[in-house]
């Protein structure tokens, strides 16, 4: 519901609720009424916080071919873009980091795109590399030629917080002299939403 960090901050300041119905370009939540495992009469998941245009990516800017970009998890694309913006916001020129002991710590839990690629019958080296969660951090480290730790953390809902914790610890211990830390989570498939509903984990109003 926000195109950038400034818009997100403005929404927070204004108290605007950015939770909404699942966008039609993700999937039609109405068609999930008969999803396997849902109890009769159970509420079908229909709410979430979603980013627009997750399919758009300036591959050439990052030296990625169009074919490779098509197989690349949108989470990886967002991570590259957001990390670049974060460095610029911190007045760090990305090109000056080559060879430095800079670490990358990324929280991530799901990779729906790998399922979608598999469901489409696509199998290619780009698909494997583009949808392996380990590569979320490694791709960023490779792009910037960073020589510090490059880790993906999965501790479920606390993944991003644990990634920040590891980054702070790495800095304090002198393992890294600069760290990029954060998380990425893009919901592209109804499977996790339906599973969450089956387990009773989701708010029926979309708010919690």
Protein backbone atom coordinates (compact mmCIF):
# COMPACT_ATOMS: atom_id res chain seq x y z
CA UNK A 1 0.00 0.00 0.00
CA UNK A 2 3.03 2.33 -0.06
CA UNK A 3 5.40 2.84 -2.96
CA UNK A 4 8.40 3.81 -0.87
CA UNK A 5 9.60 4.41 2.68
CA UNK A 6 8.44 8.04 2.75
CA UNK A 7 4.91 7.07 1.71
CA UNK A 8 4.85 4.33 4.33
CA UNK A 9 5.98 6.76 7.04
CA UNK A 10 3.34 9.29 5.97
CA UNK A 11 0.66 6.59 6.26
CA UNK A 12 1.86 5.70 9.76
CA UNK A 13 1.84 9.35 10.83
CA UNK A 14 -1.67 9.80 9.44
CA UNK A 15 -2.90 6.58 11.07
CA UNK A 16 -3.98 5.15 7.72
CA UNK A 17 -4.71 1.44 7.53
CA UNK A 18 -2.86 -0.12 4.59
CA UNK A 19 -4.38 -3.58 4.97
CA UNK A 20 -6.72 -4.42 2.10
CA UNK A 21 -8.23 -7.18 0.04
CA UNK A 22 -5.88 -9.44 -1.87
CA UNK A 23 -5.19 -7.73 -5.23
CA UNK A 24 -6.68 -9.39 -8.28
CA UNK A 25 -3.25 -9.64 -9.91
CA UNK A 26 -2.14 -12.01 -7.12
CA UNK A 27 -5.12 -14.39 -7.05
CA UNK A 28 -8.89 -14.35 -6.73
CA UNK A 29 -9.57 -15.09 -3.06
CA UNK A 30 -13.20 -15.88 -3.92
CA UNK A 31 -12.07 -18.97 -5.83
CA UNK A 32 -10.46 -20.38 -2.66
CA UNK A 33 -13.81 -21.15 -1.03
CA UNK A 34 -13.40 -24.84 -1.86
CA UNK A 35 -9.71 -25.00 -0.92
CA UNK A 36 -8.76 -28.46 0.40
CA UNK A 37 -8.69 -28.61 4.18
CA UNK A 38 -10.88 -25.60 4.84
CA UNK A 39 -13.69 -26.49 7.20
CA UNK A 40 -17.21 -25.96 5.85
CA UNK A 41 -18.17 -22.35 6.35
CA UNK A 42 -14.63 -21.32 7.28
CA UNK A 43 -13.67 -17.78 6.35
CA UNK A 44 -11.60 -17.66 3.17
CA UNK A 45 -8.43 -15.55 3.59
CA UNK A 46 -8.99 -12.22 1.85
CA UNK A 47 -6.88 -9.61 3.67
CA UNK A 48 -3.24 -8.61 3.73
CA UNK A 49 -0.68 -5.88 3.30
CA UNK A 50 0.45 -5.88 -0.32
CA UNK A 51 2.94 -3.96 -2.44
CA UNK A 52 2.00 -2.84 -5.93
CA UNK A 53 3.96 -3.70 -9.08
CA UNK A 54 6.14 -6.44 -7.60
CA UNK A 55 6.53 -7.74 -11.15
CA UNK A 56 8.39 -4.60 -12.26
CA UNK A 57 12.16 -4.58 -12.07
CA UNK A 58 14.97 -2.67 -13.78
CA UNK A 59 17.06 -5.75 -14.51
CA UNK A 60 19.57 -3.89 -16.67
CA UNK A 61 20.47 -1.56 -13.82
CA UNK A 62 21.68 -4.57 -11.82
CA UNK A 63 23.35 -6.28 -14.79
CA UNK A 64 20.75 -9.04 -14.95
CA UNK A 65 19.51 -10.36 -18.29
CA UNK A 66 15.80 -10.33 -19.12
CA UNK A 67 15.63 -14.14 -19.10
CA UNK A 68 17.35 -14.40 -15.72
CA UNK A 69 15.09 -11.67 -14.32
CA UNK A 70 11.98 -13.60 -15.39
CA UNK A 71 13.08 -16.54 -13.23
CA UNK A 72 14.25 -14.36 -10.35
CA UNK A 73 12.11 -14.40 -7.21
CA UNK A 74 10.42 -10.99 -6.81
CA UNK A 75 11.72 -11.06 -3.24
CA UNK A 76 15.26 -11.01 -4.61
CA UNK A 77 14.36 -8.13 -6.92
CA UNK A 78 12.87 -6.10 -4.07
CA UNK A 79 15.86 -6.86 -1.89
CA UNK A 80 18.30 -5.56 -4.49
CA UNK A 81 16.30 -2.37 -5.00
CA UNK A 82 15.70 -1.72 -1.31
CA UNK A 83 19.32 -2.39 -0.32
CA UNK A 84 20.49 0.05 -3.00
CA UNK A 85 18.09 2.71 -1.71
CA UNK A 86 19.17 2.04 1.89
CA UNK A 87 22.82 2.62 1.00
CA UNK A 88 21.97 5.83 -0.84
CA UNK A 89 19.85 6.98 2.12
CA UNK A 90 22.85 6.33 4.38
CA UNK A 91 25.07 8.39 2.02
CA UNK A 92 27.10 5.29 1.12
CA UNK A 93 27.98 4.97 -2.55
CA UNK A 94 27.35 1.27 -3.39
CA UNK A 95 30.35 1.18 -5.69
CA UNK A 96 32.72 2.02 -2.82
CA UNK A 97 31.97 -1.18 -0.88
CA UNK A 98 33.80 -3.64 -3.14
CA UNK A 99 36.17 -5.81 -1.16
CA UNK A 100 35.01 -4.53 2.24
CA UNK A 101 34.11 -6.76 5.15
CA UNK A 102 30.47 -5.79 4.85
CA UNK A 103 27.84 -8.30 5.91
CA UNK A 104 24.37 -9.06 4.57
CA UNK A 105 21.72 -10.49 6.87
CA UNK A 106 18.29 -11.20 5.40
CA UNK A 107 15.17 -12.52 7.09
CA UNK A 108 12.98 -14.65 4.82
CA UNK A 109 10.40 -17.35 5.39
CA UNK A 110 8.54 -18.26 2.21
CA UNK A 111 9.37 -18.42 -1.48
CA UNK A 112 6.08 -18.72 -3.30
CA UNK A 113 7.65 -17.89 -6.66
CA UNK A 114 9.52 -21.21 -6.70
CA UNK A 115 6.16 -22.99 -6.46
CA UNK A 116 4.67 -20.88 -9.25
CA UNK A 117 7.67 -21.53 -11.51
CA UNK A 118 7.42 -25.24 -10.78
CA UNK A 119 3.67 -25.29 -11.38
CA UNK A 120 4.29 -23.68 -14.77
CA UNK A 121 6.58 -26.58 -15.68
CA UNK A 122 9.64 -24.36 -15.94
CA UNK A 123 13.00 -25.89 -15.14
CA UNK A 124 16.23 -24.04 -15.79
CA UNK A 125 19.45 -23.19 -14.02
CA UNK A 126 18.18 -19.63 -13.68
CA UNK A 127 15.04 -20.92 -11.95
CA UNK A 128 17.07 -22.84 -9.37
CA UNK A 129 19.48 -20.00 -8.62
CA UNK A 130 16.75 -17.39 -8.77
CA UNK A 131 14.52 -19.14 -6.25
CA UNK A 132 16.90 -20.55 -3.67
CA UNK A 133 16.47 -18.49 -0.51
CA UNK A 134 20.17 -18.73 0.30
CA UNK A 135 20.78 -16.62 -2.77
CA UNK A 136 18.75 -13.69 -1.42
CA UNK A 137 21.74 -12.59 0.63
CA UNK A 138 24.42 -14.08 -1.63
CA UNK A 139 23.20 -12.24 -4.74
CA UNK A 140 23.43 -8.91 -2.93
CA UNK A 141 26.89 -9.71 -1.58
CA UNK A 142 28.02 -10.73 -5.06
CA UNK A 143 26.55 -7.63 -6.71
CA UNK A 144 28.40 -5.29 -4.34
CA UNK A 145 31.49 -7.56 -4.00
CA UNK A 146 31.11 -7.72 -0.22
CA UNK A 147 33.45 -9.98 1.76
CA UNK A 148 31.59 -10.20 5.09
CA UNK A 149 29.02 -12.77 6.22
CA UNK A 150 26.12 -13.41 3.83
CA UNK A 151 23.26 -15.11 5.63
CA UNK A 152 19.55 -15.81 5.23
CA UNK A 153 17.71 -16.24 8.52
CA UNK A 154 14.45 -18.16 8.88
CA UNK A 155 12.96 -18.07 12.37
CA UNK A 156 9.38 -17.70 11.07
CA UNK A 157 7.74 -14.44 12.14
CA UNK A 158 10.86 -13.16 13.91
CA UNK A 159 13.18 -13.64 10.90
CA UNK A 160 13.80 -9.94 10.19
CA UNK A 161 14.39 -9.10 13.85
CA UNK A 162 16.86 -11.97 14.22
CA UNK A 163 18.64 -10.79 11.04
CA UNK A 164 19.07 -7.33 12.59
CA UNK A 165 20.32 -8.98 15.82
CA UNK A 166 22.91 -10.97 13.90
CA UNK A 167 24.02 -7.86 12.02
CA UNK A 168 24.52 -5.92 15.28
CA UNK A 169 26.45 -8.81 16.80
CA UNK A 170 28.64 -9.07 13.69
CA UNK A 171 29.47 -5.36 13.94
CA UNK A 172 30.21 -5.53 17.68
CA UNK A 173 32.50 -8.53 17.24
CA UNK A 174 34.41 -6.83 14.40
CA UNK A 175 33.39 -9.49 11.92
CA UNK A 176 31.73 -6.81 9.73
CA UNK A 177 32.59 -3.13 9.44
CA UNK A 178 29.23 -2.36 7.79
CA UNK A 179 26.06 -4.41 7.61
CA UNK A 180 22.90 -4.52 5.52
CA UNK A 181 20.09 -6.12 7.50
CA UNK A 182 16.39 -6.56 6.92
CA UNK A 183 13.78 -8.91 5.60
CA UNK A 184 11.58 -9.61 2.62
CA UNK A 185 8.21 -11.32 2.35
CA UNK A 186 6.10 -11.35 -0.80
CA UNK A 187 2.89 -13.40 -0.87
CA UNK A 188 2.29 -14.61 -4.42
CA UNK A 189 0.37 -17.84 -3.85
CA UNK A 190 -2.78 -18.58 -1.82
CA UNK A 191 -1.25 -21.72 -0.32
CA UNK A 192 0.26 -20.13 2.79
CA UNK A 193 -2.86 -18.03 3.34
CA UNK A 194 -5.13 -21.07 3.12
CA UNK A 195 -2.83 -23.01 5.46
CA UNK A 196 -2.92 -20.13 7.93
CA UNK A 197 -6.71 -20.19 7.81
CA UNK A 198 -6.76 -23.95 8.34
CA UNK A 199 -4.64 -23.51 11.47
CA UNK A 200 -6.75 -20.63 12.75
CA UNK A 201 -3.76 -18.25 12.61
CA UNK A 202 -5.33 -15.41 10.62
CA UNK A 203 -7.53 -12.59 11.82
CA UNK A 204 -10.92 -12.80 10.10
CA UNK A 205 -11.06 -8.98 9.89
CA UNK A 206 -7.50 -8.71 8.56
CA UNK A 207 -6.48 -6.64 11.60
CA UNK A 208 -4.63 -7.84 14.67
